């Protein structure tokens, strides 16, 4: 796992972005019906994942998002 990013705080406002790289990902998933089994099989095939993050807003109540 590796990560990098930057956050700026100016007059109680926060703004920042980051990236998290999961390069050795292992997910074990199981479904209970046709749909969830298909989702579980797809998740089990993942071997890496990159998560982008963004934080913004007031320092006391920041908004955090992931993509």
C-alpha atoms as a PDB file:
ATOM      1  CA  UNK A   1       0.000   0.000   0.000  1.00  0.00           C
ATOM      2  CA  UNK A   2       1.215   3.492  -0.798  1.00  0.00           C
ATOM      3  CA  UNK A   3      -0.408   6.880  -0.538  1.00  0.00           C
ATOM      4  CA  UNK A   4       0.222  10.528  -1.294  1.00  0.00           C
ATOM      5  CA  UNK A   5      -1.715  13.749  -1.130  1.00  0.00           C
ATOM      6  CA  UNK A   6      -1.907  17.341  -0.051  1.00  0.00           C
ATOM      7  CA  UNK A   7      -4.199  19.256   2.310  1.00  0.00           C
ATOM      8  CA  UNK A   8      -4.380  23.039   2.692  1.00  0.00           C
ATOM      9  CA  UNK A   9      -6.113  24.770   5.622  1.00  0.00           C
ATOM     10  CA  UNK A  10      -6.821  28.472   5.192  1.00  0.00           C
ATOM     11  CA  UNK A  11      -9.026  30.440   7.593  1.00  0.00           C
ATOM     12  CA  UNK A  12     -10.842  27.302   8.875  1.00  0.00           C
ATOM     13  CA  UNK A  13     -11.438  26.024   5.321  1.00  0.00           C
ATOM     14  CA  UNK A  14      -9.870  22.746   4.309  1.00  0.00           C
ATOM     15  CA  UNK A  15      -9.163  21.560   0.784  1.00  0.00           C
ATOM     16  CA  UNK A  16      -7.158  18.548  -0.276  1.00  0.00           C
ATOM     17  CA  UNK A  17      -6.778  15.492  -2.435  1.00  0.00           C
ATOM     18  CA  UNK A  18      -5.056  12.167  -2.072  1.00  0.00           C
ATOM     19  CA  UNK A  19      -4.471   8.830  -3.705  1.00  0.00           C
ATOM     20  CA  UNK A  20      -4.238   5.415  -2.058  1.00  0.00           C
ATOM     21  CA  UNK A  21      -2.742   2.564  -4.075  1.00  0.00           C
ATOM     22  CA  UNK A  22      -3.546  -0.966  -2.940  1.00  0.00           C
ATOM     23  CA  UNK A  23      -1.182  -3.004  -5.100  1.00  0.00           C
ATOM     24  CA  UNK A  24      -1.490  -6.391  -3.379  1.00  0.00           C
ATOM     25  CA  UNK A  25      -5.221  -6.559  -2.827  1.00  0.00           C
ATOM     26  CA  UNK A  26      -6.890  -9.850  -1.858  1.00  0.00           C
ATOM     27  CA  UNK A  27     -10.676  -9.894  -1.464  1.00  0.00           C
ATOM     28  CA  UNK A  28     -12.645 -12.963  -0.479  1.00  0.00           C
ATOM     29  CA  UNK A  29     -16.354 -12.554  -1.161  1.00  0.00           C
ATOM     30  CA  UNK A  30     -19.367 -14.870  -1.244  1.00  0.00           C
ATOM     31  CA  UNK A  31     -22.871 -14.303  -2.588  1.00  0.00           C
ATOM     32  CA  UNK A  32     -26.205 -15.765  -1.539  1.00  0.00           C
ATOM     33  CA  UNK A  33     -28.087 -15.448  -4.855  1.00  0.00           C
ATOM     34  CA  UNK A  34     -27.307 -15.065  -8.559  1.00  0.00           C
ATOM     35  CA  UNK A  35     -26.720 -11.312  -8.391  1.00  0.00           C
ATOM     36  CA  UNK A  36     -24.628 -11.250  -5.223  1.00  0.00           C
ATOM     37  CA  UNK A  37     -22.636 -14.287  -6.398  1.00  0.00           C
ATOM     38  CA  UNK A  38     -21.775 -12.461  -9.640  1.00  0.00           C
ATOM     39  CA  UNK A  39     -20.695  -9.395  -7.613  1.00  0.00           C
ATOM     40  CA  UNK A  40     -18.667 -11.573  -5.228  1.00  0.00           C
ATOM     41  CA  UNK A  41     -16.909 -13.319  -8.122  1.00  0.00           C
ATOM     42  CA  UNK A  42     -16.009  -9.960  -9.674  1.00  0.00           C
ATOM     43  CA  UNK A  43     -14.664  -8.620  -6.355  1.00  0.00           C
ATOM     44  CA  UNK A  44     -12.635 -11.798  -5.789  1.00  0.00           C
ATOM     45  CA  UNK A  45     -10.819 -11.217  -9.099  1.00  0.00           C
ATOM     46  CA  UNK A  46      -9.496  -7.789  -8.051  1.00  0.00           C
ATOM     47  CA  UNK A  47      -5.777  -7.753  -7.301  1.00  0.00           C
ATOM     48  CA  UNK A  48      -5.182  -4.003  -7.073  1.00  0.00           C
ATOM     49  CA  UNK A  49      -7.178  -0.840  -6.485  1.00  0.00           C
ATOM     50  CA  UNK A  50      -6.565   2.908  -6.546  1.00  0.00           C
ATOM     51  CA  UNK A  51      -8.740   5.091  -4.318  1.00  0.00           C
ATOM     52  CA  UNK A  52      -8.889   8.829  -4.963  1.00  0.00           C
ATOM     53  CA  UNK A  53      -9.898  11.003  -2.012  1.00  0.00           C
ATOM     54  CA  UNK A  54     -11.026  14.600  -1.718  1.00  0.00           C
ATOM     55  CA  UNK A  55     -11.639  16.627   1.425  1.00  0.00           C
ATOM     56  CA  UNK A  56     -13.161  20.116   1.498  1.00  0.00           C
ATOM     57  CA  UNK A  57     -15.248  22.462   3.586  1.00  0.00           C
ATOM     58  CA  UNK A  58     -15.147  23.864   7.083  1.00  0.00           C
ATOM     59  CA  UNK A  59     -12.385  22.485   9.296  1.00  0.00           C
ATOM     60  CA  UNK A  60     -14.937  21.508  11.978  1.00  0.00           C
ATOM     61  CA  UNK A  61     -17.197  19.616   9.534  1.00  0.00           C
ATOM     62  CA  UNK A  62     -15.204  18.586   6.445  1.00  0.00           C
ATOM     63  CA  UNK A  63     -16.734  16.736   3.499  1.00  0.00           C
ATOM     64  CA  UNK A  64     -14.831  13.612   2.497  1.00  0.00           C
ATOM     65  CA  UNK A  65     -15.361  11.712  -0.755  1.00  0.00           C
ATOM     66  CA  UNK A  66     -13.834   8.609  -2.335  1.00  0.00           C
ATOM     67  CA  UNK A  67     -13.754   7.485  -5.957  1.00  0.00           C
END
